[in-house]
Amino acid sequence: MSKEDSILISQLADPKTRREAFAVVVRQYSERLYWHIRRIVVTHDDADDVLQNTFMKAWGALDDFHGTSQISTWLYRIAVNESLDHLRRNKNKISSDADITVANRLTADDYFDGDSAAALLQEAIETLPDVQRTVFTLRYYDEMKYSDMSDVLGTSEGALKASYHIAVKKISQYVLNHRTNITSKD
């Protein structure tokens, strides 16, 4: 654990310095957590909501955080759980509207600045089961080490490696099928 993390953890534990220290945590981790959450929940508005819930939950759990893990690990764990909860809550709402694909939702988002390939990748990722999607996102986008993912997700490194490789195969197959379907329509 870094010296900076140790100092911040001490400040978070002290009621006199807690607010100021938590403001530092929010400033330090907001952008990273936002993009991690965004890759899981897809849209900007949903990511903003989940990020806010993540920090609210972290604030409420400060008394239970004893500094045995890094602040980033603790926050990622909360963010992953909040993201997965959000997906579960909205799964029926999204799947009941079959005409709105992930790519359509993503490209309709005012904050999306990608192209059709990025939308296709996100659509492929969306087809993954929640755990595989989370593992893929942590590894591919966040370049998180399997040992750190193990701390965040509470799963063995071997299981995480297997989940990642299965996710990559499924995404590759999805993209290949999509391209095949486009070619066969021409």
N, C-alpha and C. Protein backbone atom coordinates (compact mmCIF):
# COMPACT_ATOMS: atom_id res chain seq x y z
N MET A 1 0.86 -1.17 0.00
CA MET A 1 0.00 0.00 0.00
C MET A 1 0.90 1.24 0.00
N SER A 2 0.52 2.21 -0.79
CA SER A 2 1.33 3.42 -0.91
C SER A 2 1.24 4.26 0.37
N LYS A 3 2.24 5.10 0.55
CA LYS A 3 2.25 6.00 1.72
C LYS A 3 1.06 6.95 1.65
N GLU A 4 0.74 7.43 0.44
CA GLU A 4 -0.39 8.34 0.24
C GLU A 4 -1.71 7.66 0.65
N ASP A 5 -1.87 6.38 0.26
CA ASP A 5 -3.06 5.62 0.65
C ASP A 5 -3.14 5.46 2.17
N SER A 6 -2.02 5.17 2.78
CA SER A 6 -2.00 5.00 4.24
C SER A 6 -2.42 6.28 4.97
N ILE A 7 -1.92 7.40 4.49
CA ILE A 7 -2.27 8.69 5.10
C ILE A 7 -3.77 8.96 4.90
N LEU A 8 -4.24 8.71 3.68
CA LEU A 8 -5.65 8.95 3.37
C LEU A 8 -6.57 8.05 4.20
N ILE A 9 -6.16 6.80 4.38
CA ILE A 9 -6.96 5.86 5.20
C ILE A 9 -7.02 6.36 6.64
N SER A 10 -5.90 6.85 7.16
CA SER A 10 -5.89 7.41 8.52
C SER A 10 -6.82 8.61 8.63
N GLN A 11 -6.79 9.45 7.62
CA GLN A 11 -7.65 10.63 7.62
C GLN A 11 -9.13 10.24 7.50
N LEU A 12 -9.43 9.20 6.74
CA LEU A 12 -10.81 8.73 6.61
C LEU A 12 -11.32 8.14 7.93
N ALA A 13 -10.43 7.57 8.71
CA ALA A 13 -10.82 6.96 9.98
C ALA A 13 -11.06 8.01 11.07
N ASP A 14 -10.49 9.18 10.91
CA ASP A 14 -10.62 10.24 11.92
C ASP A 14 -11.82 11.13 11.60
N PRO A 15 -12.81 11.18 12.48
CA PRO A 15 -14.00 12.01 12.22
C PRO A 15 -13.69 13.49 11.94
N LYS A 16 -12.57 13.97 12.45
CA LYS A 16 -12.20 15.38 12.26
C LYS A 16 -11.73 15.66 10.83
N THR A 17 -11.12 14.68 10.20
CA THR A 17 -10.57 14.88 8.85
C THR A 17 -11.32 14.08 7.78
N ARG A 18 -12.36 13.37 8.17
CA ARG A 18 -13.08 12.46 7.27
C ARG A 18 -13.64 13.16 6.03
N ARG A 19 -14.35 14.27 6.22
CA ARG A 19 -14.98 14.94 5.07
C ARG A 19 -13.94 15.40 4.05
N GLU A 20 -12.90 16.04 4.54
CA GLU A 20 -11.85 16.53 3.64
C GLU A 20 -11.16 15.37 2.92
N ALA A 21 -10.88 14.30 3.64
CA ALA A 21 -10.22 13.14 3.05
C ALA A 21 -11.13 12.47 2.02
N PHE A 22 -12.42 12.40 2.32
CA PHE A 22 -13.35 11.78 1.37
C PHE A 22 -13.46 12.64 0.11
N ALA A 23 -13.40 13.95 0.25
CA ALA A 23 -13.41 14.84 -0.92
C ALA A 23 -12.19 14.54 -1.81
N VAL A 24 -11.05 14.26 -1.19
CA VAL A 24 -9.85 13.89 -1.94
C VAL A 24 -10.09 12.57 -2.68
N VAL A 25 -10.68 11.61 -2.00
CA VAL A 25 -10.98 10.31 -2.62
C VAL A 25 -11.89 10.50 -3.83
N VAL A 26 -12.91 11.31 -3.67
CA VAL A 26 -13.85 11.56 -4.78
C VAL A 26 -13.12 12.19 -5.96
N ARG A 27 -12.31 13.19 -5.70
CA ARG A 27 -11.55 13.86 -6.77
C ARG A 27 -10.59 12.88 -7.44
N GLN A 28 -9.94 12.08 -6.63
CA GLN A 28 -8.90 11.19 -7.13
C GLN A 28 -9.45 10.03 -7.95
N TYR A 29 -10.64 9.53 -7.62
CA TYR A 29 -11.14 8.31 -8.24
C TYR A 29 -12.37 8.50 -9.13
N SER A 30 -12.95 9.67 -9.16
CA SER A 30 -14.20 9.86 -9.92
C SER A 30 -14.08 9.49 -11.39
N GLU A 31 -13.07 10.00 -12.05
CA GLU A 31 -12.97 9.76 -13.49
C GLU A 31 -12.73 8.28 -13.80
N ARG A 32 -11.80 7.66 -13.10
CA ARG A 32 -11.54 6.23 -13.33
C ARG A 32 -12.77 5.39 -13.08
N LEU A 33 -13.44 5.65 -11.97
CA LEU A 33 -14.63 4.88 -11.64
C LEU A 33 -15.76 5.15 -12.64
N TYR A 34 -15.90 6.41 -13.05
CA TYR A 34 -16.94 6.74 -14.03
C TYR A 34 -16.77 5.89 -15.29
N TRP A 35 -15.56 5.86 -15.83
CA TRP A 35 -15.34 5.13 -17.08
C TRP A 35 -15.49 3.63 -16.89
N HIS A 36 -15.09 3.15 -15.75
CA HIS A 36 -15.30 1.72 -15.47
C HIS A 36 -16.79 1.42 -15.43
N ILE A 37 -17.53 2.20 -14.71
CA ILE A 37 -18.98 2.01 -14.59
C ILE A 37 -19.65 2.19 -15.95
N ARG A 38 -19.22 3.19 -16.68
CA ARG A 38 -19.82 3.49 -18.00
C ARG A 38 -19.69 2.31 -18.94
N ARG A 39 -18.57 1.62 -18.89
CA ARG A 39 -18.38 0.47 -19.77
C ARG A 39 -19.32 -0.69 -19.40
N ILE A 40 -19.74 -0.72 -18.16
CA ILE A 40 -20.66 -1.77 -17.72
C ILE A 40 -22.11 -1.39 -18.00
N VAL A 41 -22.50 -0.17 -17.65
CA VAL A 41 -23.92 0.21 -17.77
C VAL A 41 -24.24 0.94 -19.07
N VAL A 42 -23.25 1.30 -19.85
CA VAL A 42 -23.33 1.84 -21.21
C VAL A 42 -23.58 3.34 -21.29
N THR A 43 -24.66 3.88 -20.74
CA THR A 43 -24.98 5.28 -21.00
C THR A 43 -24.42 6.21 -19.94
N HIS A 44 -24.23 7.45 -20.33
CA HIS A 44 -23.68 8.47 -19.45
C HIS A 44 -24.57 8.69 -18.22
N ASP A 45 -25.87 8.85 -18.45
CA ASP A 45 -26.78 9.12 -17.33
C ASP A 45 -26.78 7.99 -16.31
N ASP A 46 -26.81 6.75 -16.81
CA ASP A 46 -26.76 5.61 -15.90
C ASP A 46 -25.43 5.56 -15.15
N ALA A 47 -24.35 5.83 -15.86
CA ALA A 47 -23.02 5.82 -15.22
C ALA A 47 -22.94 6.90 -14.14
N ASP A 48 -23.48 8.07 -14.42
CA ASP A 48 -23.50 9.14 -13.41
C ASP A 48 -24.28 8.72 -12.16
N ASP A 49 -25.44 8.11 -12.38
CA ASP A 49 -26.26 7.64 -11.25
C ASP A 49 -25.52 6.59 -10.43
N VAL A 50 -24.92 5.62 -11.12
CA VAL A 50 -24.21 4.54 -10.41
C VAL A 50 -22.98 5.09 -9.69
N LEU A 51 -22.28 6.03 -10.31
CA LEU A 51 -21.12 6.64 -9.66
C LEU A 51 -21.54 7.35 -8.38
N GLN A 52 -22.62 8.10 -8.46
CA GLN A 52 -23.13 8.80 -7.27
C GLN A 52 -23.50 7.78 -6.18
N ASN A 53 -24.18 6.70 -6.57
CA ASN A 53 -24.54 5.66 -5.60
C ASN A 53 -23.30 5.01 -5.00
N THR A 54 -22.26 4.84 -5.83
CA THR A 54 -21.01 4.25 -5.35
C THR A 54 -20.40 5.10 -4.25
N PHE A 55 -20.31 6.39 -4.48
CA PHE A 55 -19.71 7.27 -3.48
C PHE A 55 -20.60 7.40 -2.24
N MET A 56 -21.91 7.38 -2.44
CA MET A 56 -22.81 7.43 -1.28
C MET A 56 -22.64 6.17 -0.42
N LYS A 57 -22.55 5.03 -1.09
CA LYS A 57 -22.38 3.77 -0.36
C LYS A 57 -21.01 3.75 0.33
N ALA A 58 -19.98 4.26 -0.35
CA ALA A 58 -18.64 4.31 0.25
C ALA A 58 -18.65 5.21 1.48
N TRP A 59 -19.29 6.37 1.37
CA TRP A 59 -19.38 7.29 2.51
C TRP A 59 -20.07 6.61 3.69
N GLY A 60 -21.15 5.92 3.41
CA GLY A 60 -21.90 5.25 4.47
C GLY A 60 -21.15 4.07 5.08
N ALA A 61 -20.18 3.54 4.35
CA ALA A 61 -19.45 2.36 4.83
C ALA A 61 -18.06 2.70 5.37
N LEU A 62 -17.77 3.97 5.54
CA LEU A 62 -16.43 4.35 6.01
C LEU A 62 -16.08 3.73 7.35
N ASP A 63 -17.03 3.60 8.25
CA ASP A 63 -16.75 3.01 9.56
C ASP A 63 -16.36 1.54 9.44
N ASP A 64 -16.81 0.88 8.37
CA ASP A 64 -16.49 -0.53 8.17
C ASP A 64 -15.21 -0.74 7.37
N PHE A 65 -14.67 0.33 6.78
CA PHE A 65 -13.44 0.23 6.00
C PHE A 65 -12.26 0.38 6.95
N HIS A 66 -11.51 -0.69 7.09
CA HIS A 66 -10.40 -0.70 8.05
C HIS A 66 -9.04 -0.55 7.39
N GLY A 67 -9.03 -0.37 6.08
CA GLY A 67 -7.76 -0.16 5.39
C GLY A 67 -6.97 -1.42 5.14
N THR A 68 -7.63 -2.58 5.19
CA THR A 68 -6.91 -3.83 4.90
C THR A 68 -6.70 -4.01 3.41
N SER A 69 -7.46 -3.30 2.59
CA SER A 69 -7.25 -3.30 1.15
C SER A 69 -6.99 -1.86 0.71
N GLN A 70 -6.54 -1.71 -0.51
CA GLN A 70 -6.30 -0.37 -1.03
C GLN A 70 -7.64 0.34 -1.22
N ILE A 71 -7.61 1.64 -1.19
CA ILE A 71 -8.82 2.43 -1.40
C ILE A 71 -9.40 2.12 -2.78
N SER A 72 -8.54 2.02 -3.78
CA SER A 72 -9.02 1.76 -5.14
C SER A 72 -9.74 0.41 -5.21
N THR A 73 -9.20 -0.61 -4.57
CA THR A 73 -9.83 -1.93 -4.57
C THR A 73 -11.20 -1.87 -3.92
N TRP A 74 -11.27 -1.20 -2.79
CA TRP A 74 -12.53 -1.05 -2.06
C TRP A 74 -13.56 -0.32 -2.92
N LEU A 75 -13.16 0.77 -3.56
CA LEU A 75 -14.08 1.54 -4.40
C LEU A 75 -14.52 0.76 -5.63
N TYR A 76 -13.58 0.05 -6.26
CA TYR A 76 -13.94 -0.76 -7.43
C TYR A 76 -14.95 -1.84 -7.04
N ARG A 77 -14.75 -2.44 -5.88
CA ARG A 77 -15.69 -3.48 -5.42
C ARG A 77 -17.09 -2.89 -5.27
N ILE A 78 -17.18 -1.73 -4.67
CA ILE A 78 -18.48 -1.07 -4.50
C ILE A 78 -19.06 -0.71 -5.87
N ALA A 79 -18.22 -0.15 -6.76
CA ALA A 79 -18.68 0.26 -8.09
C ALA A 79 -19.18 -0.93 -8.91
N VAL A 80 -18.46 -2.04 -8.84
CA VAL A 80 -18.88 -3.25 -9.57
C VAL A 80 -20.23 -3.72 -9.04
N ASN A 81 -20.36 -3.80 -7.73
CA ASN A 81 -21.63 -4.26 -7.14
C ASN A 81 -22.78 -3.32 -7.49
N GLU A 82 -22.54 -2.02 -7.44
CA GLU A 82 -23.58 -1.04 -7.79
C GLU A 82 -23.95 -1.15 -9.27
N SER A 83 -22.95 -1.35 -10.12
CA SER A 83 -23.20 -1.50 -11.56
C SER A 83 -24.03 -2.74 -11.85
N LEU A 84 -23.64 -3.85 -11.22
CA LEU A 84 -24.39 -5.11 -11.44
C LEU A 84 -25.81 -4.99 -10.89
N ASP A 85 -25.96 -4.34 -9.74
CA ASP A 85 -27.32 -4.11 -9.20
C ASP A 85 -28.14 -3.28 -10.17
N HIS A 86 -27.53 -2.26 -10.72
CA HIS A 86 -28.23 -1.40 -11.69
C HIS A 86 -28.67 -2.23 -12.90
N LEU A 87 -27.78 -3.08 -13.42
CA LEU A 87 -28.14 -3.91 -14.57
C LEU A 87 -29.28 -4.85 -14.23
N ARG A 88 -29.23 -5.46 -13.05
CA ARG A 88 -30.31 -6.37 -12.66
C ARG A 88 -31.65 -5.65 -12.53
N ARG A 89 -31.62 -4.46 -11.93
CA ARG A 89 -32.86 -3.68 -11.77
C ARG A 89 -33.44 -3.28 -13.12
N ASN A 90 -32.60 -3.01 -14.07
CA ASN A 90 -33.06 -2.50 -15.36
C ASN A 90 -33.15 -3.56 -16.46
N LYS A 91 -32.77 -4.79 -16.14
CA LYS A 91 -32.75 -5.85 -17.15
C LYS A 91 -34.12 -6.05 -17.79
N ASN A 92 -35.17 -6.14 -16.99
CA ASN A 92 -36.52 -6.34 -17.54
C ASN A 92 -36.96 -5.15 -18.37
N LYS A 93 -36.65 -3.97 -17.91
CA LYS A 93 -37.04 -2.75 -18.62
C LYS A 93 -36.37 -2.71 -20.00
N ILE A 94 -35.10 -3.04 -20.04
CA ILE A 94 -34.35 -3.00 -21.30
C ILE A 94 -34.77 -4.12 -22.23
N SER A 95 -34.87 -5.35 -21.70
CA SER A 95 -35.19 -6.48 -22.56
C SER A 95 -36.63 -6.45 -23.05
N SER A 96 -37.50 -5.73 -22.38
CA SER A 96 -38.89 -5.65 -22.83
C SER A 96 -39.03 -4.74 -24.04
N ASP A 97 -38.04 -3.92 -24.29
CA ASP A 97 -38.07 -3.04 -25.45
C ASP A 97 -37.07 -3.56 -26.48
N ALA A 98 -37.47 -4.59 -27.20
CA ALA A 98 -36.58 -5.32 -28.09
C ALA A 98 -36.07 -4.47 -29.25
N ASP A 99 -36.78 -3.40 -29.62
CA ASP A 99 -36.36 -2.59 -30.75
C ASP A 99 -35.15 -1.72 -30.43
N ILE A 100 -34.89 -1.50 -29.16
CA ILE A 100 -33.77 -0.63 -28.78
C ILE A 100 -32.58 -1.50 -28.41
N THR A 101 -31.62 -1.61 -29.34
CA THR A 101 -30.43 -2.39 -29.08
C THR A 101 -29.45 -1.55 -28.26
N VAL A 102 -28.44 -2.21 -27.76
CA VAL A 102 -27.40 -1.52 -27.01
C VAL A 102 -26.73 -0.48 -27.90
N ALA A 103 -26.47 -0.85 -29.14
CA ALA A 103 -25.82 0.09 -30.06
C ALA A 103 -26.70 1.33 -30.27
N ASN A 104 -28.00 1.12 -30.39
CA ASN A 104 -28.91 2.27 -30.56
C ASN A 104 -28.91 3.15 -29.33
N ARG A 105 -28.96 2.54 -28.14
CA ARG A 105 -28.93 3.33 -26.90
C ARG A 105 -27.62 4.10 -26.79
N LEU A 106 -26.52 3.42 -27.16
CA LEU A 106 -25.21 4.04 -27.04
C LEU A 106 -25.06 5.20 -28.01
N THR A 107 -25.41 4.99 -29.27
CA THR A 107 -25.23 6.06 -30.25
C THR A 107 -26.23 7.20 -30.03
N ALA A 108 -27.35 6.92 -29.36
CA ALA A 108 -28.31 7.98 -29.04
C ALA A 108 -27.85 8.82 -27.84
N ASP A 109 -26.89 8.31 -27.09
CA ASP A 109 -26.36 9.03 -25.94
C ASP A 109 -25.56 10.24 -26.42
N ASP A 110 -25.92 11.43 -25.93
CA ASP A 110 -25.25 12.66 -26.35
C ASP A 110 -23.75 12.64 -26.08
N TYR A 111 -23.31 11.83 -25.14
CA TYR A 111 -21.91 11.82 -24.75
C TYR A 111 -21.09 10.74 -25.48
N PHE A 112 -21.73 9.97 -26.35
CA PHE A 112 -21.03 8.93 -27.10
C PHE A 112 -20.27 9.57 -28.25
N ASP A 113 -18.97 9.31 -28.32
CA ASP A 113 -18.18 9.91 -29.39
C ASP A 113 -17.47 8.84 -30.22
N GLY A 114 -17.94 7.62 -30.15
CA GLY A 114 -17.33 6.52 -30.88
C GLY A 114 -17.91 6.35 -32.27
N ASP A 115 -17.53 5.26 -32.90
CA ASP A 115 -18.01 4.95 -34.23
C ASP A 115 -18.79 3.65 -34.20
N SER A 116 -19.14 3.13 -35.36
CA SER A 116 -19.93 1.91 -35.42
C SER A 116 -19.17 0.71 -34.86
N ALA A 117 -17.85 0.70 -34.99
CA ALA A 117 -17.06 -0.41 -34.44
C ALA A 117 -17.13 -0.40 -32.91
N ALA A 118 -17.06 0.78 -32.31
CA ALA A 118 -17.16 0.89 -30.86
C ALA A 118 -18.56 0.47 -30.40
N ALA A 119 -19.57 0.85 -31.16
CA ALA A 119 -20.94 0.46 -30.82
C ALA A 119 -21.12 -1.05 -30.95
N LEU A 120 -20.52 -1.64 -31.99
CA LEU A 120 -20.60 -3.10 -32.17
C LEU A 120 -19.89 -3.82 -31.04
N LEU A 121 -18.72 -3.33 -30.64
CA LEU A 121 -18.01 -3.93 -29.52
C LEU A 121 -18.85 -3.86 -28.25
N GLN A 122 -19.44 -2.71 -28.00
CA GLN A 122 -20.26 -2.56 -26.79
C GLN A 122 -21.48 -3.47 -26.85
N GLU A 123 -22.06 -3.61 -28.02
CA GLU A 123 -23.21 -4.52 -28.18
C GLU A 123 -22.79 -5.96 -27.90
N ALA A 124 -21.61 -6.34 -28.38
CA ALA A 124 -21.10 -7.68 -28.12
C ALA A 124 -20.84 -7.89 -26.63
N ILE A 125 -20.27 -6.90 -25.97
CA ILE A 125 -20.01 -6.98 -24.54
C ILE A 125 -21.31 -7.12 -23.77
N GLU A 126 -22.34 -6.42 -24.22
CA GLU A 126 -23.64 -6.44 -23.55
C GLU A 126 -24.28 -7.84 -23.58
N THR A 127 -23.89 -8.67 -24.55
CA THR A 127 -24.47 -10.01 -24.63
C THR A 127 -23.86 -10.96 -23.60
N LEU A 128 -22.77 -10.55 -22.99
CA LEU A 128 -22.09 -11.41 -22.01
C LEU A 128 -22.88 -11.46 -20.71
N PRO A 129 -22.78 -12.58 -19.99
CA PRO A 129 -23.34 -12.61 -18.63
C PRO A 129 -22.64 -11.54 -17.78
N ASP A 130 -23.32 -11.07 -16.74
CA ASP A 130 -22.81 -9.95 -15.94
C ASP A 130 -21.38 -10.14 -15.45
N VAL A 131 -21.06 -11.32 -14.94
CA VAL A 131 -19.72 -11.54 -14.39
C VAL A 131 -18.67 -11.49 -15.49
N GLN A 132 -18.93 -12.15 -16.63
CA GLN A 132 -17.97 -12.11 -17.73
C GLN A 132 -17.80 -10.69 -18.25
N ARG A 133 -18.88 -9.94 -18.31
CA ARG A 133 -18.81 -8.55 -18.77
C ARG A 133 -17.93 -7.73 -17.83
N THR A 134 -18.11 -7.94 -16.54
CA THR A 134 -17.32 -7.20 -15.57
C THR A 134 -15.84 -7.57 -15.66
N VAL A 135 -15.55 -8.86 -15.76
CA VAL A 135 -14.16 -9.32 -15.87
C VAL A 135 -13.53 -8.76 -17.15
N PHE A 136 -14.27 -8.84 -18.25
CA PHE A 136 -13.75 -8.32 -19.52
C PHE A 136 -13.45 -6.83 -19.41
N THR A 137 -14.37 -6.09 -18.83
CA THR A 137 -14.21 -4.65 -18.70
C THR A 137 -13.00 -4.30 -17.83
N LEU A 138 -12.87 -4.99 -16.70
CA LEU A 138 -11.74 -4.71 -15.81
C LEU A 138 -10.40 -5.01 -16.50
N ARG A 139 -10.35 -6.10 -17.25
CA ARG A 139 -9.09 -6.50 -17.88
C ARG A 139 -8.81 -5.71 -19.15
N TYR A 140 -9.78 -5.63 -20.03
CA TYR A 140 -9.57 -5.03 -21.35
C TYR A 140 -9.44 -3.50 -21.27
N TYR A 141 -10.39 -2.86 -20.64
CA TYR A 141 -10.39 -1.40 -20.60
C TYR A 141 -9.54 -0.84 -19.47
N ASP A 142 -9.68 -1.41 -18.27
CA ASP A 142 -8.96 -0.87 -17.12
C ASP A 142 -7.57 -1.47 -16.96
N GLU A 143 -7.27 -2.50 -17.75
CA GLU A 143 -5.97 -3.18 -17.71
C GLU A 143 -5.60 -3.61 -16.29
N MET A 144 -6.61 -4.05 -15.55
CA MET A 144 -6.40 -4.46 -14.18
C MET A 144 -5.74 -5.85 -14.15
N LYS A 145 -4.80 -6.02 -13.26
CA LYS A 145 -4.14 -7.31 -13.07
C LYS A 145 -5.14 -8.30 -12.49
N TYR A 146 -4.93 -9.57 -12.80
CA TYR A 146 -5.84 -10.60 -12.29
C TYR A 146 -5.80 -10.65 -10.76
N SER A 147 -4.64 -10.39 -10.17
CA SER A 147 -4.56 -10.41 -8.71
C SER A 147 -5.41 -9.30 -8.10
N ASP A 148 -5.43 -8.13 -8.73
CA ASP A 148 -6.27 -7.03 -8.25
C ASP A 148 -7.75 -7.34 -8.48
N MET A 149 -8.05 -7.92 -9.64
CA MET A 149 -9.44 -8.32 -9.92
C MET A 149 -9.93 -9.32 -8.89
N SER A 150 -9.04 -10.22 -8.50
CA SER A 150 -9.39 -11.23 -7.51
C SER A 150 -9.80 -10.56 -6.20
N ASP A 151 -9.09 -9.51 -5.82
CA ASP A 151 -9.45 -8.75 -4.61
C ASP A 151 -10.79 -8.05 -4.77
N VAL A 152 -11.00 -7.45 -5.93
CA VAL A 152 -12.23 -6.71 -6.19
C VAL A 152 -13.44 -7.63 -6.24
N LEU A 153 -13.31 -8.74 -6.95
CA LEU A 153 -14.46 -9.62 -7.20
C LEU A 153 -14.55 -10.80 -6.24
N GLY A 154 -13.51 -11.03 -5.46
CA GLY A 154 -13.54 -12.15 -4.52
C GLY A 154 -13.57 -13.50 -5.20
N THR A 155 -12.85 -13.62 -6.32
CA THR A 155 -12.81 -14.85 -7.11
C THR A 155 -11.35 -15.20 -7.38
N SER A 156 -11.09 -16.47 -7.61
CA SER A 156 -9.71 -16.88 -7.86
C SER A 156 -9.20 -16.34 -9.19
N GLU A 157 -7.89 -16.17 -9.27
CA GLU A 157 -7.29 -15.68 -10.51
C GLU A 157 -7.55 -16.63 -11.66
N GLY A 158 -7.52 -17.92 -11.40
CA GLY A 158 -7.78 -18.91 -12.45
C GLY A 158 -9.18 -18.78 -13.03
N ALA A 159 -10.15 -18.60 -12.15
CA ALA A 159 -11.53 -18.43 -12.61
C ALA A 159 -11.67 -17.14 -13.42
N LEU A 160 -10.97 -16.09 -13.00
CA LEU A 160 -11.03 -14.82 -13.72
C LEU A 160 -10.40 -14.94 -15.10
N LYS A 161 -9.27 -15.63 -15.19
CA LYS A 161 -8.62 -15.84 -16.49
C LYS A 161 -9.54 -16.62 -17.42
N ALA A 162 -10.18 -17.65 -16.89
CA ALA A 162 -11.10 -18.44 -17.70
C ALA A 162 -12.28 -17.58 -18.16
N SER A 163 -12.84 -16.80 -17.26
CA SER A 163 -13.97 -15.92 -17.62
C SER A 163 -13.56 -14.93 -18.70
N TYR A 164 -12.37 -14.37 -18.57
CA TYR A 164 -11.91 -13.39 -19.56
C TYR A 164 -11.76 -14.05 -20.93
N HIS A 165 -11.13 -15.21 -20.98
CA HIS A 165 -10.89 -15.86 -22.26
C HIS A 165 -12.20 -16.32 -22.91
N ILE A 166 -13.14 -16.78 -22.12
CA ILE A 166 -14.45 -17.14 -22.65
C ILE A 166 -15.15 -15.90 -23.19
N ALA A 167 -15.06 -14.79 -22.45
CA ALA A 167 -15.67 -13.54 -22.90
C ALA A 167 -15.08 -13.08 -24.23
N VAL A 168 -13.76 -13.17 -24.36
CA VAL A 168 -13.10 -12.76 -25.61
C VAL A 168 -13.60 -13.61 -26.77
N LYS A 169 -13.72 -14.91 -26.55
CA LYS A 169 -14.22 -15.80 -27.61
C LYS A 169 -15.64 -15.44 -28.00
N LYS A 170 -16.49 -15.18 -27.01
CA LYS A 170 -17.88 -14.83 -27.30
C LYS A 170 -17.97 -13.51 -28.05
N ILE A 171 -17.17 -12.54 -27.66
CA ILE A 171 -17.17 -11.24 -28.33
C ILE A 171 -16.68 -11.40 -29.76
N SER A 172 -15.61 -12.16 -29.94
CA SER A 172 -15.07 -12.39 -31.30
C SER A 172 -16.12 -13.05 -32.18
N GLN A 173 -16.81 -14.05 -31.64
CA GLN A 173 -17.84 -14.75 -32.40
C GLN A 173 -19.00 -13.81 -32.74
N TYR A 174 -19.38 -12.97 -31.80
CA TYR A 174 -20.47 -12.01 -32.04
C TYR A 174 -20.09 -11.06 -33.17
N VAL A 175 -18.88 -10.52 -33.11
CA VAL A 175 -18.43 -9.58 -34.13
C VAL A 175 -18.34 -10.29 -35.48
N LEU A 176 -17.81 -11.50 -35.51
CA LEU A 176 -17.71 -12.27 -36.74
C LEU A 176 -19.10 -12.53 -37.33
N ASN A 177 -20.05 -12.93 -36.50
CA ASN A 177 -21.41 -13.18 -36.97
C ASN A 177 -22.05 -11.90 -37.49
N HIS A 178 -21.81 -10.80 -36.80
CA HIS A 178 -22.37 -9.52 -37.22
C HIS A 178 -21.83 -9.12 -38.58
N ARG A 179 -20.53 -9.28 -38.76
CA ARG A 179 -19.92 -8.94 -40.06
C ARG A 179 -20.41 -9.87 -41.14
N THR A 180 -20.60 -11.15 -40.82
CA THR A 180 -21.12 -12.12 -41.78
C THR A 180 -22.53 -11.73 -42.18
N ASN A 181 -23.34 -11.32 -41.21
CA ASN A 181 -24.72 -10.90 -41.51
C ASN A 181 -24.74 -9.65 -42.39
N ILE A 182 -23.85 -8.73 -42.14
CA ILE A 182 -23.80 -7.51 -42.96
C ILE A 182 -23.39 -7.86 -44.39
N THR A 183 -22.36 -8.73 -44.53
CA THR A 183 -21.87 -9.12 -45.85
C THR A 183 -22.95 -9.87 -46.63
N SER A 184 -23.69 -10.76 -45.96
CA SER A 184 -24.70 -11.55 -46.66
C SER A 184 -25.89 -10.69 -47.10
N LYS A 185 -26.10 -9.51 -46.49
CA LYS A 185 -27.19 -8.63 -46.88
C LYS A 185 -26.84 -7.85 -48.14
N ASP A 186 -25.57 -7.69 -48.42
CA ASP A 186 -25.14 -6.89 -49.60
C ASP A 186 -25.37 -7.62 -50.89
